[in-house]
């Protein structure tokens, strides 16, 4: 027969693990939210603080003929592209899936993107993250850019 103390220890360990995993998940979400905020506010310093230097970033765009066009952006290009002046950009994601193993994680979520308060495209974000110095950084950002058959965002319209 299993002793009560063994069951208690198992339950306590399970609760600790679940709490720790929830904390890591929340920290990853905060990093991703900072990524979106940096785009919206054109905050180069904030963006640099959450990206791994020398990261490679890839976007995939499906052209009208069905062919795929890949765009590669190194760290410097990514920073410049996402924080450029002259436009008001907003990205929103929902229904995220987060996978965590040790000091690496993956964030995957559908998103919509707006420029100057007008919808421009949707897609899926796939961010790979690494934990360094007790914080999560984006080591690679990949995303699709889709202009057709975009689902309605459950977040509703953006605020004007």
N, C-alpha and C. Protein backbone atom coordinates (compact mmCIF):
# COMPACT_ATOMS: atom_id res chain seq x y z
N UNK A 1 0.84 -1.18 0.00
CA UNK A 1 0.00 0.00 0.00
C UNK A 1 0.89 1.25 0.00
N UNK A 2 0.49 2.23 -0.76
CA UNK A 2 1.24 3.47 -0.87
C UNK A 2 1.00 4.29 0.39
N UNK A 3 2.08 4.79 0.95
CA UNK A 3 1.94 5.57 2.18
C UNK A 3 1.42 6.96 1.87
N UNK A 4 0.79 7.52 2.87
CA UNK A 4 0.24 8.87 2.74
C UNK A 4 1.35 9.89 2.50
N UNK A 5 2.50 9.70 3.12
CA UNK A 5 3.60 10.65 2.93
C UNK A 5 4.13 10.61 1.50
N UNK A 6 4.17 9.43 0.88
CA UNK A 6 4.62 9.32 -0.50
C UNK A 6 3.65 10.03 -1.44
N UNK A 7 2.36 9.88 -1.23
CA UNK A 7 1.35 10.57 -2.03
C UNK A 7 1.46 12.07 -1.83
N UNK A 8 1.66 12.50 -0.60
CA UNK A 8 1.79 13.93 -0.30
C UNK A 8 3.00 14.52 -1.01
N UNK A 9 4.12 13.81 -0.95
CA UNK A 9 5.33 14.30 -1.62
C UNK A 9 5.11 14.39 -3.12
N UNK A 10 4.47 13.40 -3.70
CA UNK A 10 4.18 13.42 -5.14
C UNK A 10 3.29 14.60 -5.50
N UNK A 11 2.27 14.86 -4.71
CA UNK A 11 1.37 15.98 -4.98
C UNK A 11 2.10 17.31 -4.85
N UNK A 12 2.92 17.46 -3.84
CA UNK A 12 3.66 18.71 -3.64
C UNK A 12 4.61 18.94 -4.80
N UNK A 13 5.32 17.90 -5.23
CA UNK A 13 6.24 18.04 -6.37
C UNK A 13 5.48 18.39 -7.65
N UNK A 14 4.34 17.76 -7.85
CA UNK A 14 3.53 18.05 -9.03
C UNK A 14 3.06 19.49 -9.03
N UNK A 15 2.60 19.97 -7.88
CA UNK A 15 2.15 21.36 -7.78
C UNK A 15 3.30 22.32 -8.03
N UNK A 16 4.48 22.04 -7.48
CA UNK A 16 5.64 22.90 -7.68
C UNK A 16 6.00 22.95 -9.15
N UNK A 17 6.03 21.78 -9.82
CA UNK A 17 6.36 21.73 -11.24
C UNK A 17 5.36 22.53 -12.06
N UNK A 18 4.09 22.36 -11.79
CA UNK A 18 3.04 23.08 -12.54
C UNK A 18 3.16 24.58 -12.33
N UNK A 19 3.46 24.99 -11.10
CA UNK A 19 3.62 26.42 -10.81
C UNK A 19 4.84 26.97 -11.53
N UNK A 20 5.95 26.23 -11.49
CA UNK A 20 7.16 26.68 -12.16
C UNK A 20 6.94 26.78 -13.67
N UNK A 21 6.25 25.82 -14.25
CA UNK A 21 5.96 25.83 -15.68
C UNK A 21 5.05 27.01 -16.04
N UNK A 22 4.07 27.29 -15.19
CA UNK A 22 3.18 28.44 -15.43
C UNK A 22 3.97 29.74 -15.36
N UNK A 23 4.92 29.83 -14.44
CA UNK A 23 5.76 31.03 -14.34
C UNK A 23 6.61 31.21 -15.60
N UNK A 24 7.18 30.12 -16.10
CA UNK A 24 8.00 30.19 -17.32
C UNK A 24 7.13 30.59 -18.51
N UNK A 25 5.95 30.03 -18.59
CA UNK A 25 5.02 30.36 -19.67
C UNK A 25 4.69 31.86 -19.65
N UNK A 26 4.42 32.38 -18.46
CA UNK A 26 4.11 33.80 -18.30
C UNK A 26 5.30 34.66 -18.71
N UNK A 27 6.50 34.25 -18.35
CA UNK A 27 7.70 35.01 -18.71
C UNK A 27 7.88 35.03 -20.23
N UNK A 28 7.59 33.92 -20.89
CA UNK A 28 7.68 33.85 -22.35
C UNK A 28 6.65 34.77 -22.98
N UNK A 29 5.42 34.74 -22.48
CA UNK A 29 4.37 35.64 -22.99
C UNK A 29 4.77 37.10 -22.82
N UNK A 30 5.40 37.42 -21.70
CA UNK A 30 5.84 38.81 -21.48
C UNK A 30 6.90 39.22 -22.50
N UNK A 31 7.81 38.31 -22.84
CA UNK A 31 8.81 38.61 -23.87
C UNK A 31 8.13 38.86 -25.21
N UNK A 32 7.18 38.02 -25.57
CA UNK A 32 6.48 38.18 -26.84
C UNK A 32 5.68 39.49 -26.85
N UNK A 33 5.04 39.81 -25.74
CA UNK A 33 4.30 41.08 -25.66
C UNK A 33 5.24 42.27 -25.82
N UNK A 34 6.45 42.17 -25.29
CA UNK A 34 7.44 43.25 -25.47
C UNK A 34 7.82 43.37 -26.94
N UNK A 35 7.89 42.24 -27.64
CA UNK A 35 8.18 42.25 -29.07
C UNK A 35 7.11 43.05 -29.81
N UNK A 36 5.85 42.75 -29.53
CA UNK A 36 4.75 43.47 -30.19
C UNK A 36 4.72 44.95 -29.79
N UNK A 37 4.99 45.23 -28.52
CA UNK A 37 5.02 46.62 -28.05
C UNK A 37 6.15 47.39 -28.73
N UNK A 38 7.30 46.77 -28.89
CA UNK A 38 8.43 47.43 -29.55
C UNK A 38 8.08 47.79 -30.99
N UNK A 39 7.35 46.91 -31.68
CA UNK A 39 6.91 47.22 -33.05
C UNK A 39 5.96 48.41 -33.03
N UNK A 40 4.99 48.37 -32.12
CA UNK A 40 3.98 49.42 -32.06
C UNK A 40 4.57 50.78 -31.69
N UNK A 41 5.52 50.79 -30.76
CA UNK A 41 6.09 52.05 -30.27
C UNK A 41 7.40 52.42 -30.96
N UNK A 42 7.83 51.55 -31.89
CA UNK A 42 9.09 51.77 -32.62
C UNK A 42 10.27 51.91 -31.65
N UNK A 43 10.26 51.08 -30.62
CA UNK A 43 11.25 51.16 -29.54
C UNK A 43 12.41 50.21 -29.83
N UNK A 44 13.42 50.76 -30.45
CA UNK A 44 14.61 49.97 -30.83
C UNK A 44 15.30 49.37 -29.60
N UNK A 45 15.42 50.13 -28.54
CA UNK A 45 16.09 49.65 -27.33
C UNK A 45 15.33 48.47 -26.73
N UNK A 46 14.02 48.57 -26.66
CA UNK A 46 13.22 47.47 -26.13
C UNK A 46 13.37 46.23 -27.01
N UNK A 47 13.31 46.40 -28.33
CA UNK A 47 13.44 45.26 -29.23
C UNK A 47 14.82 44.61 -29.08
N UNK A 48 15.85 45.41 -29.02
CA UNK A 48 17.21 44.86 -28.84
C UNK A 48 17.35 44.12 -27.52
N UNK A 49 16.59 44.52 -26.52
CA UNK A 49 16.72 43.90 -25.20
C UNK A 49 16.10 42.50 -25.12
N UNK A 50 15.29 42.14 -26.11
CA UNK A 50 14.62 40.82 -26.06
C UNK A 50 15.01 39.91 -27.21
N UNK A 51 15.90 40.37 -28.09
CA UNK A 51 16.38 39.54 -29.21
C UNK A 51 17.82 39.11 -28.94
N UNK A 52 18.13 37.89 -29.34
CA UNK A 52 19.51 37.41 -29.27
C UNK A 52 20.28 38.08 -30.41
N UNK A 53 21.41 38.73 -30.10
CA UNK A 53 22.20 39.33 -31.18
C UNK A 53 22.60 38.28 -32.21
N UNK A 54 22.68 38.71 -33.47
CA UNK A 54 23.05 37.84 -34.59
C UNK A 54 22.00 36.79 -34.92
N UNK A 55 20.76 37.02 -34.50
CA UNK A 55 19.70 36.07 -34.83
C UNK A 55 19.36 36.18 -36.32
N UNK A 56 18.80 35.09 -36.85
CA UNK A 56 18.33 35.07 -38.22
C UNK A 56 16.82 34.97 -38.19
N UNK A 57 16.15 35.77 -38.98
CA UNK A 57 14.69 35.82 -38.96
C UNK A 57 14.16 35.63 -40.37
N UNK A 58 13.06 34.88 -40.48
CA UNK A 58 12.56 34.47 -41.78
C UNK A 58 11.06 34.71 -41.87
N UNK A 59 10.63 35.32 -42.97
CA UNK A 59 9.20 35.41 -43.23
C UNK A 59 8.90 34.71 -44.55
N UNK A 60 7.71 34.15 -44.61
CA UNK A 60 7.27 33.42 -45.79
C UNK A 60 6.00 34.08 -46.31
N UNK A 61 6.00 34.44 -47.59
CA UNK A 61 4.86 35.09 -48.21
C UNK A 61 4.38 34.24 -49.37
N UNK A 62 3.09 33.91 -49.37
CA UNK A 62 2.54 33.15 -50.49
C UNK A 62 2.05 34.12 -51.55
N UNK A 63 2.66 34.03 -52.72
CA UNK A 63 2.31 34.91 -53.83
C UNK A 63 1.00 34.43 -54.46
N UNK A 64 0.32 35.29 -55.23
CA UNK A 64 -0.95 34.90 -55.85
C UNK A 64 -0.87 33.64 -56.71
N UNK A 65 0.32 33.37 -57.29
CA UNK A 65 0.45 32.16 -58.12
C UNK A 65 0.69 30.90 -57.28
N UNK A 66 0.68 31.05 -55.96
CA UNK A 66 0.86 29.90 -55.09
C UNK A 66 2.30 29.63 -54.69
N UNK A 67 3.23 30.30 -55.34
CA UNK A 67 4.64 30.13 -54.99
C UNK A 67 4.93 30.84 -53.66
N UNK A 68 5.93 30.36 -52.97
CA UNK A 68 6.32 30.94 -51.70
C UNK A 68 7.56 31.80 -51.89
N UNK A 69 7.56 32.94 -51.22
CA UNK A 69 8.72 33.83 -51.26
C UNK A 69 9.25 33.95 -49.84
N UNK A 70 10.50 33.56 -49.63
CA UNK A 70 11.11 33.66 -48.32
C UNK A 70 11.95 34.94 -48.24
N UNK A 71 11.83 35.63 -47.11
CA UNK A 71 12.64 36.81 -46.86
C UNK A 71 13.47 36.54 -45.61
N UNK A 72 14.78 36.65 -45.75
CA UNK A 72 15.68 36.47 -44.63
C UNK A 72 16.11 37.83 -44.11
N UNK A 73 16.13 37.99 -42.81
CA UNK A 73 16.56 39.25 -42.21
C UNK A 73 17.53 38.94 -41.07
N UNK A 74 18.72 39.53 -41.16
CA UNK A 74 19.65 39.37 -40.05
C UNK A 74 19.22 40.28 -38.89
N UNK A 75 19.92 40.21 -37.82
CA UNK A 75 19.57 40.95 -36.60
C UNK A 75 19.40 42.45 -36.87
N UNK A 76 20.39 43.07 -37.51
CA UNK A 76 20.33 44.51 -37.77
C UNK A 76 19.18 44.90 -38.67
N UNK A 77 18.96 44.11 -39.72
CA UNK A 77 17.85 44.38 -40.64
C UNK A 77 16.51 44.25 -39.93
N UNK A 78 16.40 43.24 -39.09
CA UNK A 78 15.16 43.01 -38.33
C UNK A 78 14.85 44.20 -37.43
N UNK A 79 15.84 44.66 -36.71
CA UNK A 79 15.65 45.82 -35.82
C UNK A 79 15.19 47.03 -36.63
N UNK A 80 15.89 47.32 -37.72
CA UNK A 80 15.54 48.49 -38.55
C UNK A 80 14.15 48.36 -39.16
N UNK A 81 13.84 47.17 -39.68
CA UNK A 81 12.55 46.95 -40.35
C UNK A 81 11.39 47.14 -39.37
N UNK A 82 11.51 46.58 -38.18
CA UNK A 82 10.39 46.60 -37.24
C UNK A 82 10.23 47.91 -36.47
N UNK A 83 11.25 48.74 -36.47
CA UNK A 83 11.15 50.00 -35.71
C UNK A 83 11.22 51.23 -36.62
N UNK A 84 11.05 51.02 -37.92
CA UNK A 84 11.16 52.16 -38.83
C UNK A 84 10.03 53.17 -38.59
N UNK A 85 10.39 54.40 -38.78
CA UNK A 85 9.45 55.51 -38.60
C UNK A 85 8.56 55.64 -39.84
N UNK A 86 7.52 56.44 -39.72
CA UNK A 86 6.68 56.76 -40.87
C UNK A 86 5.45 55.90 -41.03
N UNK A 87 5.21 55.01 -40.10
CA UNK A 87 4.00 54.19 -40.17
C UNK A 87 3.60 53.81 -38.75
N UNK A 88 2.34 53.56 -38.60
CA UNK A 88 1.81 53.09 -37.32
C UNK A 88 1.50 51.60 -37.49
N UNK A 89 2.25 50.73 -36.82
CA UNK A 89 2.08 49.29 -36.98
C UNK A 89 1.58 48.66 -35.68
N UNK A 90 0.73 47.65 -35.83
CA UNK A 90 0.22 46.92 -34.67
C UNK A 90 0.07 45.45 -35.04
N UNK A 91 0.65 44.59 -34.20
CA UNK A 91 0.53 43.15 -34.38
C UNK A 91 -0.13 42.56 -33.15
N UNK A 92 -1.07 41.62 -33.39
CA UNK A 92 -1.78 40.97 -32.29
C UNK A 92 -1.80 39.47 -32.54
N UNK A 93 -1.55 38.70 -31.48
CA UNK A 93 -1.58 37.24 -31.59
C UNK A 93 -2.58 36.68 -30.58
N UNK A 94 -3.05 35.47 -30.84
CA UNK A 94 -4.01 34.82 -29.94
C UNK A 94 -3.85 33.30 -30.05
N UNK A 95 -4.50 32.60 -29.16
CA UNK A 95 -4.51 31.12 -29.16
C UNK A 95 -3.10 30.54 -29.26
N UNK A 96 -2.19 31.09 -28.48
CA UNK A 96 -0.80 30.67 -28.57
C UNK A 96 -0.59 29.25 -28.03
N UNK A 97 0.38 28.60 -28.62
CA UNK A 97 0.89 27.33 -28.13
C UNK A 97 2.32 27.60 -27.68
N UNK A 98 2.66 27.17 -26.48
CA UNK A 98 4.00 27.36 -25.97
C UNK A 98 4.54 26.01 -25.53
N UNK A 99 5.70 25.67 -26.05
CA UNK A 99 6.39 24.44 -25.67
C UNK A 99 7.68 24.83 -24.97
N UNK A 100 7.95 24.22 -23.83
CA UNK A 100 9.14 24.55 -23.04
C UNK A 100 9.87 23.27 -22.68
N UNK A 101 11.16 23.28 -22.90
CA UNK A 101 12.02 22.19 -22.44
C UNK A 101 13.33 22.80 -21.96
N UNK A 102 13.51 22.78 -20.66
CA UNK A 102 14.74 23.33 -20.11
C UNK A 102 14.87 24.81 -20.42
N UNK A 103 15.95 25.16 -21.12
CA UNK A 103 16.22 26.57 -21.43
C UNK A 103 15.87 26.95 -22.86
N UNK A 104 15.04 26.14 -23.54
CA UNK A 104 14.56 26.52 -24.87
C UNK A 104 13.04 26.44 -24.88
N UNK A 105 12.44 27.24 -25.75
CA UNK A 105 10.98 27.25 -25.87
C UNK A 105 10.58 27.67 -27.27
N UNK A 106 9.33 27.35 -27.61
CA UNK A 106 8.74 27.75 -28.89
C UNK A 106 7.40 28.42 -28.59
N UNK A 107 7.16 29.55 -29.21
CA UNK A 107 5.87 30.26 -29.17
C UNK A 107 5.31 30.18 -30.57
N UNK A 108 4.06 29.73 -30.71
CA UNK A 108 3.41 29.58 -32.02
C UNK A 108 2.00 30.14 -31.88
N UNK A 109 1.62 31.07 -32.76
CA UNK A 109 0.28 31.65 -32.65
C UNK A 109 -0.13 32.32 -33.95
N UNK A 110 -1.43 32.27 -34.26
CA UNK A 110 -1.93 33.08 -35.37
C UNK A 110 -1.88 34.56 -34.97
N UNK A 111 -1.76 35.42 -35.97
CA UNK A 111 -1.70 36.86 -35.69
C UNK A 111 -2.37 37.64 -36.80
N UNK A 112 -2.66 38.91 -36.50
CA UNK A 112 -3.06 39.84 -37.55
C UNK A 112 -2.16 41.07 -37.45
N UNK A 113 -2.02 41.77 -38.56
CA UNK A 113 -1.10 42.92 -38.62
C UNK A 113 -1.83 44.08 -39.26
N UNK A 114 -1.65 45.25 -38.67
CA UNK A 114 -2.31 46.47 -39.15
C UNK A 114 -1.26 47.56 -39.33
N UNK A 115 -1.39 48.32 -40.41
CA UNK A 115 -0.54 49.48 -40.65
C UNK A 115 -1.45 50.67 -40.82
N UNK A 116 -1.16 51.72 -40.07
CA UNK A 116 -1.98 52.93 -40.08
C UNK A 116 -3.45 52.60 -39.84
N UNK A 117 -3.67 51.69 -38.89
CA UNK A 117 -5.00 51.27 -38.43
C UNK A 117 -5.79 50.50 -39.48
N UNK A 118 -5.12 50.02 -40.53
CA UNK A 118 -5.79 49.22 -41.55
C UNK A 118 -5.17 47.83 -41.57
N UNK A 119 -6.03 46.82 -41.63
CA UNK A 119 -5.57 45.45 -41.71
C UNK A 119 -4.74 45.26 -42.98
N UNK A 120 -3.56 44.65 -42.86
CA UNK A 120 -2.72 44.39 -44.04
C UNK A 120 -2.53 42.90 -44.30
N UNK A 121 -2.39 42.12 -43.24
CA UNK A 121 -2.19 40.69 -43.44
C UNK A 121 -2.35 39.93 -42.13
N UNK A 122 -2.38 38.61 -42.27
CA UNK A 122 -2.42 37.73 -41.11
C UNK A 122 -1.34 36.68 -41.30
N UNK A 123 -1.27 35.75 -40.39
CA UNK A 123 -0.30 34.68 -40.53
C UNK A 123 -0.12 33.93 -39.23
N UNK A 124 0.99 33.25 -39.15
CA UNK A 124 1.37 32.52 -37.94
C UNK A 124 2.77 32.98 -37.55
N UNK A 125 2.93 33.31 -36.28
CA UNK A 125 4.25 33.62 -35.72
C UNK A 125 4.82 32.36 -35.11
N UNK A 126 6.10 32.13 -35.34
CA UNK A 126 6.83 31.04 -34.70
C UNK A 126 8.11 31.63 -34.16
N UNK A 127 8.17 31.78 -32.84
CA UNK A 127 9.35 32.34 -32.20
C UNK A 127 10.06 31.26 -31.41
N UNK A 128 11.35 31.15 -31.59
CA UNK A 128 12.16 30.27 -30.77
C UNK A 128 12.82 31.15 -29.71
N UNK A 129 12.78 30.68 -28.48
CA UNK A 129 13.32 31.45 -27.37
C UNK A 129 14.35 30.64 -26.60
N UNK A 130 15.27 31.36 -25.98
CA UNK A 130 16.26 30.74 -25.10
C UNK A 130 16.26 31.50 -23.79
N UNK A 131 16.53 30.78 -22.71
CA UNK A 131 16.58 31.43 -21.40
C UNK A 131 18.04 31.65 -21.04
N UNK A 132 18.37 32.91 -20.83
CA UNK A 132 19.71 33.29 -20.40
C UNK A 132 19.59 34.26 -19.25
N UNK A 133 20.46 34.13 -18.28
CA UNK A 133 20.44 35.06 -17.14
C UNK A 133 19.05 35.22 -16.55
N UNK A 134 18.33 34.12 -16.46
CA UNK A 134 16.99 34.10 -15.86
C UNK A 134 15.94 34.90 -16.61
N UNK A 135 16.15 35.14 -17.93
CA UNK A 135 15.12 35.80 -18.74
C UNK A 135 15.07 35.15 -20.10
N UNK A 136 13.92 35.24 -20.74
CA UNK A 136 13.70 34.63 -22.05
C UNK A 136 13.96 35.65 -23.15
N UNK A 137 14.74 35.24 -24.15
CA UNK A 137 15.04 36.06 -25.32
C UNK A 137 14.61 35.33 -26.58
N UNK A 138 14.22 36.09 -27.58
CA UNK A 138 13.84 35.52 -28.88
C UNK A 138 15.13 35.29 -29.67
N UNK A 139 15.39 34.02 -29.99
CA UNK A 139 16.60 33.69 -30.74
C UNK A 139 16.34 33.60 -32.24
N UNK A 140 15.08 33.41 -32.61
CA UNK A 140 14.69 33.36 -34.01
C UNK A 140 13.21 33.69 -34.10
N UNK A 141 12.86 34.52 -35.06
CA UNK A 141 11.46 34.81 -35.33
C UNK A 141 11.18 34.42 -36.78
N UNK A 142 10.18 33.58 -36.96
CA UNK A 142 9.73 33.22 -38.30
C UNK A 142 8.23 33.45 -38.35
N UNK A 143 7.74 33.85 -39.50
CA UNK A 143 6.31 34.11 -39.61
C UNK A 143 5.87 33.99 -41.06
N UNK A 144 4.59 33.69 -41.22
CA UNK A 144 4.00 33.71 -42.55
C UNK A 144 3.31 35.05 -42.74
N UNK A 145 3.22 35.50 -43.98
CA UNK A 145 2.47 36.71 -44.32
C UNK A 145 1.42 36.30 -45.32
N UNK A 146 0.18 36.36 -44.90
CA UNK A 146 -0.94 35.92 -45.74
C UNK A 146 -1.91 37.08 -45.93
N UNK A 147 -2.35 37.28 -47.16
CA UNK A 147 -3.29 38.37 -47.44
C UNK A 147 -4.67 37.85 -47.83
N UNK A 148 -4.80 36.54 -47.99
CA UNK A 148 -6.08 35.95 -48.37
C UNK A 148 -6.48 34.90 -47.34
N UNK A 149 -7.79 34.69 -47.24
CA UNK A 149 -8.35 33.67 -46.34
C UNK A 149 -7.92 33.84 -44.89
N UNK A 150 -7.83 35.07 -44.45
CA UNK A 150 -7.45 35.33 -43.07
C UNK A 150 -8.65 35.13 -42.16
N UNK A 151 -8.46 34.41 -41.07
CA UNK A 151 -9.57 34.24 -40.13
C UNK A 151 -9.88 35.54 -39.40
N UNK A 152 -11.10 35.67 -38.96
CA UNK A 152 -11.48 36.83 -38.16
C UNK A 152 -10.79 36.74 -36.81
N UNK A 153 -10.15 37.79 -36.39
CA UNK A 153 -9.47 37.77 -35.10
C UNK A 153 -10.48 37.72 -33.97
N UNK A 154 -10.27 36.84 -32.99
CA UNK A 154 -11.15 36.83 -31.83
C UNK A 154 -10.95 38.07 -30.95
N UNK A 155 -9.92 38.86 -31.25
CA UNK A 155 -9.66 40.07 -30.47
C UNK A 155 -10.50 41.26 -30.94
N UNK A 156 -11.23 41.07 -32.04
CA UNK A 156 -12.08 42.14 -32.55
C UNK A 156 -11.28 43.15 -33.33
N UNK A 157 -11.94 44.23 -33.75
CA UNK A 157 -11.24 45.26 -34.53
C UNK A 157 -10.26 46.02 -33.64
N UNK A 158 -9.23 46.60 -34.28
CA UNK A 158 -8.31 47.41 -33.50
C UNK A 158 -9.00 48.72 -33.15
N UNK A 159 -8.56 49.29 -32.05
CA UNK A 159 -9.16 50.57 -31.61
C UNK A 159 -8.64 51.70 -32.47
N UNK A 160 -9.56 52.54 -32.92
CA UNK A 160 -9.18 53.68 -33.76
C UNK A 160 -8.65 54.82 -32.94
